[in-house]
Protein backbone atom coordinates (compact mmCIF):
# COMPACT_ATOMS: atom_id res chain seq x y z
CA MET A 1 86.51 165.55 156.73
CA THR A 2 86.83 162.93 159.44
CA GLU A 3 89.91 163.41 161.58
CA VAL A 4 92.17 160.37 161.61
CA GLN A 5 93.31 159.53 165.12
CA ALA A 6 96.86 158.37 165.65
CA PRO A 7 97.20 154.77 166.83
CA PRO A 8 98.05 154.31 170.51
CA VAL A 9 101.71 154.09 171.44
CA LEU A 10 100.64 151.82 174.29
CA GLN A 11 97.39 150.00 174.91
CA THR A 12 96.21 147.55 177.55
CA LEU A 13 93.20 145.35 176.87
CA ALA A 14 91.29 143.70 179.73
CA LEU A 15 94.64 143.51 181.50
CA ALA A 16 94.96 141.76 184.85
CA THR A 17 98.15 142.26 186.86
CA GLY A 18 99.60 140.66 189.95
CA HIS A 19 102.28 138.51 191.48
CA GLY A 20 102.06 134.77 190.95
CA ARG A 21 98.44 133.82 191.51
CA ARG A 22 97.61 136.95 193.51
CA ARG A 23 95.75 139.46 191.40
CA VAL A 24 96.30 143.12 192.15
CA SER A 25 94.22 144.74 189.38
CA GLN A 26 92.01 143.51 186.59
CA GLY A 27 89.96 144.79 183.68
CA LEU A 28 92.50 147.51 182.85
CA ASP A 29 91.71 149.18 179.52
CA LEU A 30 94.09 152.08 178.91
CA ALA A 31 95.61 153.76 175.88
CA ILE A 32 98.11 156.55 175.34
CA THR A 33 99.12 158.29 172.12
CA ALA A 34 102.18 160.29 171.08
CA GLY A 35 102.30 163.76 172.60
CA GLU A 36 100.02 162.81 175.48
CA VAL A 37 100.50 162.59 179.25
CA LEU A 38 98.44 159.97 181.09
CA CYS A 39 98.71 160.02 184.88
CA LEU A 40 97.66 157.31 187.33
CA LEU A 41 96.29 158.31 190.72
CA GLY A 42 95.51 155.79 193.43
CA PRO A 43 96.15 154.81 197.04
CA ASN A 44 99.17 152.86 198.21
CA GLY A 45 98.96 149.21 197.24
CA CYS A 46 96.45 149.68 194.41
CA GLY A 47 98.88 148.31 191.81
CA LYS A 48 100.36 151.29 189.98
CA THR A 49 103.93 149.96 190.10
CA THR A 50 102.71 146.45 189.30
CA LEU A 51 100.94 147.82 186.23
CA PHE A 52 104.09 149.62 185.10
CA ARG A 53 106.21 146.51 185.57
CA THR A 54 103.70 144.52 183.53
CA VAL A 55 103.67 147.10 180.74
CA LEU A 56 107.48 146.97 180.67
CA GLY A 57 107.50 143.18 180.40
CA LEU A 58 109.07 142.67 183.83
CA LEU A 59 105.94 140.86 185.02
CA ALA A 60 103.71 138.59 182.96
CA PRO A 61 100.04 139.58 182.59
CA LEU A 62 97.65 137.34 184.51
CA ALA A 63 95.03 137.99 181.81
CA GLY A 64 94.50 140.32 178.88
CA GLU A 65 97.29 141.84 176.85
CA VAL A 66 99.66 144.77 176.42
CA ARG A 67 100.10 146.20 172.92
CA VAL A 68 103.06 148.49 172.23
CA HIS A 69 102.54 150.39 168.97
CA SER A 70 103.86 148.52 165.93
CA TRP A 71 107.43 148.21 167.16
CA PRO A 72 109.20 144.88 166.84
CA ARG A 73 110.04 143.45 170.24
CA ALA A 74 113.72 144.12 169.57
CA GLU A 75 112.90 147.84 169.34
CA PHE A 76 111.12 147.92 172.69
CA ALA A 77 114.21 148.60 174.83
CA ARG A 78 115.18 151.53 172.62
CA ARG A 79 111.73 153.03 172.35
CA VAL A 80 110.52 152.77 175.96
CA GLY A 81 112.21 154.55 178.86
CA TYR A 82 111.57 153.87 182.54
CA VAL A 83 112.07 156.03 185.61
CA PRO A 84 111.64 153.86 188.73
CA GLN A 85 111.20 155.18 192.22
CA ALA A 86 114.53 156.41 193.64
CA GLN A 87 116.98 153.53 194.02
CA ALA A 88 119.64 153.07 196.65
CA GLY A 89 123.12 153.23 195.18
CA VAL A 90 125.14 150.02 195.11
CA PHE A 91 128.06 150.84 192.83
CA GLY A 92 129.89 154.14 192.95
CA PHE A 93 129.36 155.17 189.33
CA GLU A 94 129.59 158.88 188.70
CA ALA A 95 126.27 160.56 187.95
CA LEU A 96 127.30 161.23 184.34
CA ASP A 97 128.13 157.54 183.85
CA MET A 98 124.70 156.62 185.24
CA VAL A 99 123.07 158.88 182.68
CA LEU A 100 125.25 157.46 179.89
CA MET A 101 123.77 154.04 180.67
CA GLY A 102 120.60 155.38 179.08
CA ARG A 103 122.45 155.48 175.76
CA ALA A 104 123.12 151.73 175.87
CA ALA A 105 119.86 150.93 174.09
CA ARG A 106 120.96 153.18 171.22
CA LEU A 107 124.45 151.71 170.78
CA PRO A 108 125.63 148.54 169.02
CA ALA A 109 126.60 145.65 171.27
CA LEU A 110 129.90 146.26 173.13
CA ALA A 111 130.20 149.78 171.66
CA ARG A 112 131.48 152.56 173.92
CA PRO A 113 129.64 155.89 174.22
CA SER A 114 130.99 158.55 171.88
CA SER A 115 131.80 162.16 172.68
CA ALA A 116 128.40 163.03 171.22
CA ASP A 117 126.75 160.59 173.63
CA ARG A 118 128.59 162.20 176.55
CA ALA A 119 127.52 165.66 175.40
CA LEU A 120 123.91 164.52 175.16
CA ALA A 121 124.07 162.95 178.65
CA LEU A 122 125.53 166.12 180.11
CA GLY A 123 122.79 168.10 178.38
CA CYS A 124 120.17 165.95 180.12
CA LEU A 125 121.76 166.74 183.48
CA GLU A 126 121.74 170.43 182.57
CA GLN A 127 118.04 170.30 181.64
CA LEU A 128 117.28 169.17 185.19
CA GLY A 129 119.63 171.66 186.82
CA ILE A 130 122.08 169.06 188.14
CA ALA A 131 125.09 169.36 185.82
CA HIS A 132 127.15 170.17 188.93
CA LEU A 133 126.58 166.57 190.07
CA ALA A 134 128.10 165.03 186.92
CA LEU A 135 131.28 163.78 188.59
CA ARG A 136 129.74 162.93 191.98
CA PRO A 137 129.39 159.22 192.87
CA TYR A 138 125.76 158.12 192.68
CA THR A 139 126.12 156.47 196.09
CA GLU A 140 126.86 159.86 197.69
CA LEU A 141 123.79 161.62 196.31
CA SER A 142 120.64 162.36 198.26
CA GLY A 143 117.43 160.50 197.42
CA GLY A 144 116.11 163.47 195.47
CA GLU A 145 119.37 163.88 193.55
CA ARG A 146 119.34 160.18 192.66
CA GLN A 147 115.81 160.53 191.36
CA LEU A 148 116.85 163.39 189.10
CA VAL A 149 119.77 161.34 187.79
CA LEU A 150 117.38 158.48 186.94
CA ILE A 151 115.16 160.91 185.06
CA ALA A 152 118.18 162.24 183.17
CA ARG A 153 119.18 158.65 182.31
CA ALA A 154 115.74 158.01 180.80
CA LEU A 155 115.88 161.27 178.83
CA ALA A 156 119.30 160.30 177.43
CA GLN A 157 117.69 157.20 175.93
CA GLU A 158 115.49 159.47 173.76
CA PRO A 159 112.47 157.17 174.07
CA ALA A 160 109.12 157.51 172.32
CA LEU A 161 107.29 156.38 175.48
CA LEU A 162 108.45 157.32 178.96
CA VAL A 163 107.09 155.47 182.01
CA MET A 164 107.65 157.36 185.28
CA ASP A 165 106.85 155.82 188.67
CA GLU A 166 106.23 158.68 191.12
CA PRO A 167 108.97 160.86 189.60
CA THR A 168 108.54 163.73 192.09
CA ALA A 169 108.14 161.64 195.25
CA SER A 170 111.46 162.49 196.91
CA LEU A 171 112.09 165.91 195.37
CA ASP A 172 112.09 169.33 196.99
CA PHE A 173 109.66 171.99 195.79
CA GLY A 174 112.00 173.51 193.22
CA ASN A 175 112.96 170.18 191.70
CA GLN A 176 109.31 169.13 191.54
CA ILE A 177 108.67 172.21 189.40
CA ARG A 178 111.65 171.39 187.17
CA VAL A 179 110.46 167.83 186.60
CA LEU A 180 106.87 168.89 185.89
CA ASP A 181 108.14 171.49 183.43
CA GLN A 182 110.28 168.81 181.79
CA ILE A 183 107.25 166.51 181.41
CA ALA A 184 105.33 169.33 179.72
CA ALA A 185 108.29 169.93 177.39
CA LEU A 186 108.47 166.23 176.48
CA ARG A 187 104.78 166.22 175.61
CA ALA A 188 105.30 169.27 173.38
CA ARG A 189 108.05 167.34 171.57
CA GLY A 190 105.64 164.48 170.84
CA MET A 191 106.69 162.01 173.52
CA ALA A 192 104.08 159.87 175.24
CA VAL A 193 104.43 159.97 179.04
CA LEU A 194 102.78 157.51 181.42
CA LEU A 195 103.33 158.41 185.05
CA SER A 196 101.99 157.95 188.55
CA THR A 197 101.88 160.37 191.44
CA HIS A 198 100.39 160.83 194.90
CA GLN A 199 99.92 164.55 194.20
CA PRO A 200 96.60 165.21 192.39
CA GLU A 201 97.65 168.83 191.82
CA HIS A 202 100.65 167.58 189.83
CA ALA A 203 98.41 165.38 187.71
CA LEU A 204 96.03 168.26 187.04
CA GLN A 205 98.95 170.47 186.06
CA VAL A 206 100.60 168.23 183.45
CA ALA A 207 98.24 165.40 182.47
CA ASP A 208 95.93 165.37 179.48
CA ARG A 209 94.06 162.44 180.99
CA ILE A 210 93.96 160.94 184.46
CA ALA A 211 93.20 157.34 185.40
CA LEU A 212 91.91 156.63 188.90
CA LEU A 213 93.14 153.21 189.99
CA GLY A 214 91.41 151.77 193.03
CA ARG A 215 91.96 148.51 194.81
CA GLY A 216 91.04 145.89 192.26
CA GLY A 217 90.80 147.93 189.10
CA LEU A 218 90.18 151.10 187.18
CA GLN A 219 87.56 153.44 188.62
CA ALA A 220 87.68 156.12 185.92
CA CYS A 221 89.79 157.43 183.06
CA GLY A 222 89.25 160.57 181.06
CA ALA A 223 90.02 164.26 180.68
CA ALA A 224 91.94 165.42 183.74
CA ALA A 225 89.57 168.14 184.98
CA GLN A 226 86.50 165.95 184.47
CA VAL A 227 87.88 162.89 186.24
CA ALA A 228 89.95 164.21 189.16
CA THR A 229 87.11 166.06 190.89
CA PRO A 230 86.94 166.49 194.68
CA ALA A 231 84.12 163.95 194.84
CA ALA A 232 86.00 161.36 192.78
CA LEU A 233 89.25 161.85 194.72
CA ALA A 234 87.38 161.58 198.02
CA ALA A 235 85.87 158.27 196.94
CA LEU A 236 89.22 157.01 195.66
CA TYR A 237 91.16 157.75 198.84
CA GLY A 238 88.39 157.17 201.38
CA VAL A 239 88.28 160.71 202.77
CA SER A 240 85.69 163.49 202.75
CA GLU A 241 85.15 165.75 199.77
CA ALA A 242 85.62 168.76 202.04
CA ALA A 243 89.01 167.42 203.14
CA VAL A 244 90.13 167.10 199.52
CA ALA A 245 89.01 170.62 198.60
CA ALA A 246 90.64 172.09 201.72
CA ARG A 247 94.01 170.56 200.87
CA LEU A 248 94.01 171.61 197.23
CA PRO A 249 93.14 175.31 197.51
CA ALA A 250 94.93 176.33 194.31
CA ILE A 251 93.19 173.80 192.09
CA PRO A 252 89.38 174.38 192.22
CA LYS A 253 89.51 176.63 189.12
CA VAL A 254 90.55 173.52 187.17
CA TRP A 255 87.27 171.88 188.15
CA ALA A 256 85.13 174.82 187.08
CA GLY A 257 84.09 173.08 183.87
CA ALA A 258 83.29 169.78 185.55
CA THR A 259 79.58 169.52 186.31
CA SER A 260 78.07 167.22 188.89
CA SER A 261 76.95 164.96 186.07
CA THR A 262 80.49 164.55 184.71
CA ALA A 263 81.74 163.91 188.22
CA ALA A 264 79.14 161.19 188.63
CA ALA A 265 80.07 159.76 185.24
CA SER A 266 83.74 159.68 186.19
CA ARG A 267 82.96 157.79 189.38
CA ALA A 268 80.91 155.35 187.34
CA GLY A 269 83.87 154.79 185.04
CA LEU A 270 84.92 156.75 181.98
CA HIS A 271 87.32 154.89 179.75
CA PRO A 272 89.27 155.96 176.66
């Protein structure tokens, strides 16, 4: 019997992104299904954040299209969560109130969060080990603590698709582990997670597939261990293969199944 594949939660078709007339990336063909983690790797300035902002509808595509499941546009805000890079605090909302803002997409217009909403928000803080920050003003938190609050806010929304822009960038080692564990748990619950990182070892730990985004477009996309090889990462970041392997000593076992031919194929461009 032929296995029926689930339709993508998110799909980009020949997508070109940029600002005004300036193109950042083009020819982006990506897809992600429920219960899958897709991670973007790429150098600074390659367009990862621009791609995310385009997917979220904050920037208009310069070409191509973004398809988001079969949800009506009115459902988009409820179904898609976003974790931006850590933001500076402007208003002194308590951390718990910041997380409760994630419930807004689930509430009727002008409705106030219920006690159940508050309990859920507090539970999200507890999942990330920061319940003790619940009554602290967001403006007084460290950059890493703010990042965790933003992740908790997105979790409180209970989205079907979660977009995370470098979620571990400002976190200490312990909190990086907590966030990566949380991503794995979300995948197990059937959530689709699209994220970016500058840590290939994080991508190899949690991602089902990895997309290598270079300057101008997609270089490769496929199974994590087959795509994020030392050779492919060296080409992506403009460093030597030996330098990559030396800085990721705990990861080579992940590449054991990747042959030189699959590495060459990934550099040539594997797409979903």
